[in-house]
Amino acid sequence: MDAFNTMGVEAGDVLAYPDLYPYLQEHYPRYKDVQKEAEQHLAKEGFVNPAPEGLMLTQVGYKAIQAKNGE
């Protein structure tokens, strides 16, 4: 979720995999399959929907980011 927040992704927008991979590698270098695990967890929670080009932030995910930011 931090990647979506950092990159200013809004509900309905897609965070492309080429933009997501470097973020995950930089922030979670110890985890081999962090992208796959994060995608499964976030989809299960309803925060994202997988899209062919990346992960689409849902309205639920966007509201969670706003709540975290105190908005």
PDB file of N, CA and C in Angstrom:
ATOM      1  N   MET A   1       0.828  -1.190   0.000  1.00  0.00           N
ATOM      2  CA  MET A   1       0.000   0.000   0.000  1.00  0.00           C
ATOM      3  C   MET A   1       0.872   1.253   0.000  1.00  0.00           C
ATOM      4  N   ASP A   2       2.042   1.140   0.631  1.00  0.00           N
ATOM      5  CA  ASP A   2       2.944   2.298   0.646  1.00  0.00           C
ATOM      6  C   ASP A   2       3.373   2.690  -0.765  1.00  0.00           C
ATOM      7  N   ALA A   3       3.536   1.712  -1.635  1.00  0.00           N
ATOM      8  CA  ALA A   3       3.919   2.018  -3.019  1.00  0.00           C
ATOM      9  C   ALA A   3       2.831   2.838  -3.705  1.00  0.00           C
ATOM     10  N   PHE A   4       1.580   2.473  -3.493  1.00  0.00           N
ATOM     11  CA  PHE A   4       0.469   3.227  -4.092  1.00  0.00           C
ATOM     12  C   PHE A   4       0.442   4.645  -3.537  1.00  0.00           C
ATOM     13  N   ASN A   5       0.647   4.774  -2.236  1.00  0.00           N
ATOM     14  CA  ASN A   5       0.645   6.082  -1.590  1.00  0.00           C
ATOM     15  C   ASN A   5       1.808   6.931  -2.088  1.00  0.00           C
ATOM     16  N   THR A   6       2.999   6.376  -2.106  1.00  0.00           N
ATOM     17  CA  THR A   6       4.193   7.102  -2.541  1.00  0.00           C
ATOM     18  C   THR A   6       4.076   7.590  -3.975  1.00  0.00           C
ATOM     19  N   MET A   7       3.480   6.765  -4.816  1.00  0.00           N
ATOM     20  CA  MET A   7       3.387   7.098  -6.238  1.00  0.00           C
ATOM     21  C   MET A   7       2.107   7.840  -6.590  1.00  0.00           C
ATOM     22  N   GLY A   8       1.292   8.146  -5.595  1.00  0.00           N
ATOM     23  CA  GLY A   8       0.102   8.967  -5.822  1.00  0.00           C
ATOM     24  C   GLY A   8      -0.973   8.291  -6.655  1.00  0.00           C
ATOM     25  N   VAL A   9      -1.098   6.986  -6.526  1.00  0.00           N
ATOM     26  CA  VAL A   9      -2.107   6.252  -7.280  1.00  0.00           C
ATOM     27  C   VAL A   9      -3.471   6.475  -6.630  1.00  0.00           C
ATOM     28  N   GLU A  10      -4.476   6.755  -7.454  1.00  0.00           N
ATOM     29  CA  GLU A  10      -5.828   6.974  -6.950  1.00  0.00           C
ATOM     30  C   GLU A  10      -6.709   5.788  -7.298  1.00  0.00           C
ATOM     31  N   ALA A  11      -7.892   5.733  -6.695  1.00  0.00           N
ATOM     32  CA  ALA A  11      -8.825   4.633  -6.934  1.00  0.00           C
ATOM     33  C   ALA A  11      -9.103   4.490  -8.424  1.00  0.00           C
ATOM     34  N   GLY A  12      -9.028   3.261  -8.901  1.00  0.00           N
ATOM     35  CA  GLY A  12      -9.280   2.978 -10.305  1.00  0.00           C
ATOM     36  C   GLY A  12      -8.047   3.067 -11.189  1.00  0.00           C
ATOM     37  N   ASP A  13      -6.968   3.640 -10.657  1.00  0.00           N
ATOM     38  CA  ASP A  13      -5.716   3.736 -11.418  1.00  0.00           C
ATOM     39  C   ASP A  13      -4.894   2.467 -11.209  1.00  0.00           C
ATOM     40  N   VAL A  14      -4.032   2.188 -12.183  1.00  0.00           N
ATOM     41  CA  VAL A  14      -3.194   0.994 -12.134  1.00  0.00           C
ATOM     42  C   VAL A  14      -1.751   1.385 -11.856  1.00  0.00           C
ATOM     43  N   LEU A  15      -1.146   0.696 -10.908  1.00  0.00           N
ATOM     44  CA  LEU A  15       0.286   0.819 -10.654  1.00  0.00           C
ATOM     45  C   LEU A  15       0.952  -0.263 -11.487  1.00  0.00           C
ATOM     46  N   ALA A  16       1.663   0.148 -12.527  1.00  0.00           N
ATOM     47  CA  ALA A  16       2.264  -0.796 -13.469  1.00  0.00           C
ATOM     48  C   ALA A  16       3.374  -1.594 -12.806  1.00  0.00           C
ATOM     49  N   TYR A  17       3.468  -2.862 -13.203  1.00  0.00           N
ATOM     50  CA  TYR A  17       4.508  -3.728 -12.648  1.00  0.00           C
ATOM     51  C   TYR A  17       5.921  -3.152 -12.802  1.00  0.00           C
ATOM     52  N   PRO A  18       6.264  -2.544 -13.956  1.00  0.00           N
ATOM     53  CA  PRO A  18       7.624  -1.977 -14.065  1.00  0.00           C
ATOM     54  C   PRO A  18       7.900  -0.865 -13.045  1.00  0.00           C
ATOM     55  N   ASP A  19       6.855  -0.209 -12.548  1.00  0.00           N
ATOM     56  CA  ASP A  19       7.017   0.808 -11.503  1.00  0.00           C
ATOM     57  C   ASP A  19       7.012   0.180 -10.111  1.00  0.00           C
ATOM     58  N   LEU A  20       6.276  -0.910  -9.975  1.00  0.00           N
ATOM     59  CA  LEU A  20       6.144  -1.568  -8.682  1.00  0.00           C
ATOM     60  C   LEU A  20       7.378  -2.376  -8.303  1.00  0.00           C
ATOM     61  N   TYR A  21       7.954  -3.112  -9.245  1.00  0.00           N
ATOM     62  CA  TYR A  21       9.097  -3.983  -8.947  1.00  0.00           C
ATOM     63  C   TYR A  21      10.267  -3.247  -8.299  1.00  0.00           C
ATOM     64  N   PRO A  22      10.727  -2.131  -8.858  1.00  0.00           N
ATOM     65  CA  PRO A  22      11.862  -1.438  -8.223  1.00  0.00           C
ATOM     66  C   PRO A  22      11.542  -0.975  -6.796  1.00  0.00           C
ATOM     67  N   TYR A  23      10.323  -0.528  -6.568  1.00  0.00           N
ATOM     68  CA  TYR A  23       9.917  -0.100  -5.232  1.00  0.00           C
ATOM     69  C   TYR A  23      10.019  -1.270  -4.252  1.00  0.00           C
ATOM     70  N   LEU A  24       9.475  -2.419  -4.644  1.00  0.00           N
ATOM     71  CA  LEU A  24       9.498  -3.591  -3.768  1.00  0.00           C
ATOM     72  C   LEU A  24      10.919  -4.068  -3.518  1.00  0.00           C
ATOM     73  N   GLN A  25      11.742  -4.070  -4.552  1.00  0.00           N
ATOM     74  CA  GLN A  25      13.127  -4.513  -4.395  1.00  0.00           C
ATOM     75  C   GLN A  25      13.904  -3.582  -3.478  1.00  0.00           C
ATOM     76  N   GLU A  26      13.629  -2.309  -3.546  1.00  0.00           N
ATOM     77  CA  GLU A  26      14.322  -1.327  -2.710  1.00  0.00           C
ATOM     78  C   GLU A  26      13.887  -1.429  -1.246  1.00  0.00           C
ATOM     79  N   HIS A  27      12.598  -1.597  -1.018  1.00  0.00           N
ATOM     80  CA  HIS A  27      12.067  -1.582   0.335  1.00  0.00           C
ATOM     81  C   HIS A  27      11.991  -2.956   1.005  1.00  0.00           C
ATOM     82  N   TYR A  28      11.988  -4.009   0.213  1.00  0.00           N
ATOM     83  CA  TYR A  28      11.869  -5.362   0.769  1.00  0.00           C
ATOM     84  C   TYR A  28      12.876  -6.304   0.105  1.00  0.00           C
ATOM     85  N   PRO A  29      14.168  -6.004   0.167  1.00  0.00           N
ATOM     86  CA  PRO A  29      15.160  -6.807  -0.555  1.00  0.00           C
ATOM     87  C   PRO A  29      15.319  -8.242  -0.041  1.00  0.00           C
ATOM     88  N   ARG A  30      14.917  -8.500   1.170  1.00  0.00           N
ATOM     89  CA  ARG A  30      15.101  -9.834   1.753  1.00  0.00           C
ATOM     90  C   ARG A  30      14.040 -10.844   1.309  1.00  0.00           C
ATOM     91  N   TYR A  31      12.941 -10.335   0.788  1.00  0.00           N
ATOM     92  CA  TYR A  31      11.834 -11.216   0.454  1.00  0.00           C
ATOM     93  C   TYR A  31      11.840 -11.558  -1.026  1.00  0.00           C
ATOM     94  N   LYS A  32      12.012 -12.844  -1.309  1.00  0.00           N
ATOM     95  CA  LYS A  32      12.145 -13.312  -2.681  1.00  0.00           C
ATOM     96  C   LYS A  32      10.866 -13.097  -3.494  1.00  0.00           C
ATOM     97  N   ASP A  33       9.729 -13.470  -2.944  1.00  0.00           N
ATOM     98  CA  ASP A  33       8.463 -13.405  -3.677  1.00  0.00           C
ATOM     99  C   ASP A  33       7.532 -12.342  -3.104  1.00  0.00           C
ATOM    100  N   VAL A  34       8.087 -11.202  -2.714  1.00  0.00           N
ATOM    101  CA  VAL A  34       7.284 -10.176  -2.046  1.00  0.00           C
ATOM    102  C   VAL A  34       6.158  -9.675  -2.949  1.00  0.00           C
ATOM    103  N   GLN A  35       6.405  -9.542  -4.236  1.00  0.00           N
ATOM    104  CA  GLN A  35       5.362  -9.042  -5.145  1.00  0.00           C
ATOM    105  C   GLN A  35       4.182  -9.998  -5.181  1.00  0.00           C
ATOM    106  N   LYS A  36       4.451 -11.269  -5.319  1.00  0.00           N
ATOM    107  CA  LYS A  36       3.382 -12.267  -5.395  1.00  0.00           C
ATOM    108  C   LYS A  36       2.595 -12.311  -4.087  1.00  0.00           C
ATOM    109  N   GLU A  37       3.306 -12.333  -2.976  1.00  0.00           N
ATOM    110  CA  GLU A  37       2.642 -12.392  -1.673  1.00  0.00           C
ATOM    111  C   GLU A  37       1.842 -11.127  -1.396  1.00  0.00           C
ATOM    112  N   ALA A  38       2.404  -9.984  -1.727  1.00  0.00           N
ATOM    113  CA  ALA A  38       1.699  -8.720  -1.520  1.00  0.00           C
ATOM    114  C   ALA A  38       0.450  -8.661  -2.387  1.00  0.00           C
ATOM    115  N   GLU A  39       0.575  -9.070  -3.630  1.00  0.00           N
ATOM    116  CA  GLU A  39      -0.571  -9.058  -4.537  1.00  0.00           C
ATOM    117  C   GLU A  39      -1.697  -9.947  -4.007  1.00  0.00           C
ATOM    118  N   GLN A  40      -1.370 -11.145  -3.547  1.00  0.00           N
ATOM    119  CA  GLN A  40      -2.380 -12.056  -3.015  1.00  0.00           C
ATOM    120  C   GLN A  40      -3.043 -11.480  -1.767  1.00  0.00           C
ATOM    121  N   HIS A  41      -2.240 -10.939  -0.873  1.00  0.00           N
ATOM    122  CA  HIS A  41      -2.779 -10.377   0.366  1.00  0.00           C
ATOM    123  C   HIS A  41      -3.680  -9.174   0.086  1.00  0.00           C
ATOM    124  N   LEU A  42      -3.203  -8.253  -0.746  1.00  0.00           N
ATOM    125  CA  LEU A  42      -3.976  -7.042  -1.026  1.00  0.00           C
ATOM    126  C   LEU A  42      -5.254  -7.346  -1.787  1.00  0.00           C
ATOM    127  N   ALA A  43      -5.209  -8.321  -2.690  1.00  0.00           N
ATOM    128  CA  ALA A  43      -6.413  -8.713  -3.430  1.00  0.00           C
ATOM    129  C   ALA A  43      -7.425  -9.361  -2.477  1.00  0.00           C
ATOM    130  N   LYS A  44      -6.931 -10.194  -1.569  1.00  0.00           N
ATOM    131  CA  LYS A  44      -7.806 -10.853  -0.600  1.00  0.00           C
ATOM    132  C   LYS A  44      -8.509  -9.820   0.287  1.00  0.00           C
ATOM    133  N   GLU A  45      -7.803  -8.770   0.656  1.00  0.00           N
ATOM    134  CA  GLU A  45      -8.364  -7.702   1.488  1.00  0.00           C
ATOM    135  C   GLU A  45      -9.274  -6.763   0.699  1.00  0.00           C
ATOM    136  N   GLY A  46      -9.248  -6.881  -0.628  1.00  0.00           N
ATOM    137  CA  GLY A  46     -10.082  -6.026  -1.475  1.00  0.00           C
ATOM    138  C   GLY A  46      -9.451  -4.683  -1.799  1.00  0.00           C
ATOM    139  N   PHE A  47      -8.153  -4.518  -1.516  1.00  0.00           N
ATOM    140  CA  PHE A  47      -7.470  -3.254  -1.758  1.00  0.00           C
ATOM    141  C   PHE A  47      -7.052  -3.070  -3.215  1.00  0.00           C
ATOM    142  N   VAL A  48      -6.788  -4.171  -3.913  1.00  0.00           N
ATOM    143  CA  VAL A  48      -6.361  -4.100  -5.311  1.00  0.00           C
ATOM    144  C   VAL A  48      -7.067  -5.180  -6.119  1.00  0.00           C
ATOM    145  N   ASN A  49      -7.082  -4.963  -7.419  1.00  0.00           N
ATOM    146  CA  ASN A  49      -7.507  -5.974  -8.378  1.00  0.00           C
ATOM    147  C   ASN A  49      -6.369  -6.155  -9.361  1.00  0.00           C
ATOM    148  N   PRO A  50      -5.993  -7.407  -9.633  1.00  0.00           N
ATOM    149  CA  PRO A  50      -4.954  -7.624 -10.633  1.00  0.00           C
ATOM    150  C   PRO A  50      -5.428  -7.132 -12.004  1.00  0.00           C
ATOM    151  N   ALA A  51      -4.529  -6.504 -12.716  1.00  0.00           N
ATOM    152  CA  ALA A  51      -4.783  -6.045 -14.080  1.00  0.00           C
ATOM    153  C   ALA A  51      -3.636  -6.561 -14.936  1.00  0.00           C
ATOM    154  N   PRO A  52      -3.840  -6.681 -16.233  1.00  0.00           N
ATOM    155  CA  PRO A  52      -2.765  -7.209 -17.087  1.00  0.00           C
ATOM    156  C   PRO A  52      -1.451  -6.439 -16.960  1.00  0.00           C
ATOM    157  N   GLU A  53      -1.534  -5.130 -16.787  1.00  0.00           N
ATOM    158  CA  GLU A  53      -0.322  -4.314 -16.753  1.00  0.00           C
ATOM    159  C   GLU A  53       0.183  -4.002 -15.351  1.00  0.00           C
ATOM    160  N   GLY A  54      -0.598  -4.383 -14.315  1.00  0.00           N
ATOM    161  CA  GLY A  54      -0.173  -4.090 -12.955  1.00  0.00           C
ATOM    162  C   GLY A  54      -1.283  -4.365 -11.959  1.00  0.00           C
ATOM    163  N   LEU A  55      -1.332  -3.564 -10.913  1.00  0.00           N
ATOM    164  CA  LEU A  55      -2.358  -3.712  -9.885  1.00  0.00           C
ATOM    165  C   LEU A  55      -3.217  -2.459  -9.842  1.00  0.00           C
ATOM    166  N   MET A  56      -4.540  -2.654  -9.930  1.00  0.00           N
ATOM    167  CA  MET A  56      -5.465  -1.532  -9.883  1.00  0.00           C
ATOM    168  C   MET A  56      -5.899  -1.312  -8.440  1.00  0.00           C
ATOM    169  N   LEU A  57      -5.780  -0.084  -7.973  1.00  0.00           N
ATOM    170  CA  LEU A  57      -6.193   0.273  -6.622  1.00  0.00           C
ATOM    171  C   LEU A  57      -7.710   0.415  -6.592  1.00  0.00           C
ATOM    172  N   THR A  58      -8.351  -0.301  -5.683  1.00  0.00           N
ATOM    173  CA  THR A  58      -9.803  -0.223  -5.555  1.00  0.00           C
ATOM    174  C   THR A  58     -10.193   0.977  -4.688  1.00  0.00           C
ATOM    175  N   GLN A  59     -11.474   1.260  -4.651  1.00  0.00           N
ATOM    176  CA  GLN A  59     -11.982   2.329  -3.791  1.00  0.00           C
ATOM    177  C   GLN A  59     -11.689   2.006  -2.332  1.00  0.00           C
ATOM    178  N   VAL A  60     -11.804   0.733  -1.955  1.00  0.00           N
ATOM    179  CA  VAL A  60     -11.511   0.295  -0.584  1.00  0.00           C
ATOM    180  C   VAL A  60     -10.039   0.562  -0.260  1.00  0.00           C
ATOM    181  N   GLY A  61      -9.152   0.225  -1.185  1.00  0.00           N
ATOM    182  CA  GLY A  61      -7.729   0.472  -0.983  1.00  0.00           C
ATOM    183  C   GLY A  61      -7.406   1.948  -0.878  1.00  0.00           C
ATOM    184  N   TYR A  62      -8.041   2.744  -1.721  1.00  0.00           N
ATOM    185  CA  TYR A  62      -7.816   4.191  -1.697  1.00  0.00           C
ATOM    186  C   TYR A  62      -8.272   4.782  -0.362  1.00  0.00           C
ATOM    187  N   LYS A  63      -9.419   4.335   0.125  1.00  0.00           N
ATOM    188  CA  LYS A  63      -9.918   4.827   1.416  1.00  0.00           C
ATOM    189  C   LYS A  63      -8.993   4.412   2.555  1.00  0.00           C
ATOM    190  N   ALA A  64      -8.397   3.223   2.449  1.00  0.00           N
ATOM    191  CA  ALA A  64      -7.452   2.766   3.479  1.00  0.00           C
ATOM    192  C   ALA A  64      -6.214   3.658   3.493  1.00  0.00           C
ATOM    193  N   ILE A  65      -5.740   4.055   2.316  1.00  0.00           N
ATOM    194  CA  ILE A  65      -4.586   4.954   2.234  1.00  0.00           C
ATOM    195  C   ILE A  65      -4.932   6.302   2.836  1.00  0.00           C
ATOM    196  N   GLN A  66      -6.121   6.820   2.504  1.00  0.00           N
ATOM    197  CA  GLN A  66      -6.532   8.107   3.052  1.00  0.00           C
ATOM    198  C   GLN A  66      -6.652   8.050   4.578  1.00  0.00           C
ATOM    199  N   ALA A  67      -7.185   6.959   5.096  1.00  0.00           N
ATOM    200  CA  ALA A  67      -7.314   6.804   6.546  1.00  0.00           C
ATOM    201  C   ALA A  67      -5.947   6.763   7.209  1.00  0.00           C
ATOM    202  N   LYS A  68      -5.016   6.076   6.562  1.00  0.00           N
ATOM    203  CA  LYS A  68      -3.646   5.984   7.109  1.00  0.00           C
ATOM    204  C   LYS A  68      -2.987   7.363   7.122  1.00  0.00           C
ATOM    205  N   ASN A  69      -3.283   8.163   6.114  1.00  0.00           N
ATOM    206  CA  ASN A  69      -2.694   9.490   6.010  1.00  0.00           C
ATOM    207  C   ASN A  69      -3.434  10.518   6.867  1.00  0.00           C
ATOM    208  N   GLY A  70      -4.508  10.086   7.531  1.00  0.00           N
ATOM    209  CA  GLY A  70      -5.251  10.991   8.399  1.00  0.00           C
ATOM    210  C   GLY A  70      -6.154  11.955   7.673  1.00  0.00           C
ATOM    211  N   GLU A  71      -6.558  11.596   6.480  1.00  0.00           N
ATOM    212  CA  GLU A  71      -7.436  12.476   5.696  1.00  0.00           C
ATOM    213  C   GLU A  71      -8.887  12.177   5.958  1.00  0.00           C
TER     214      GLU A  71
END
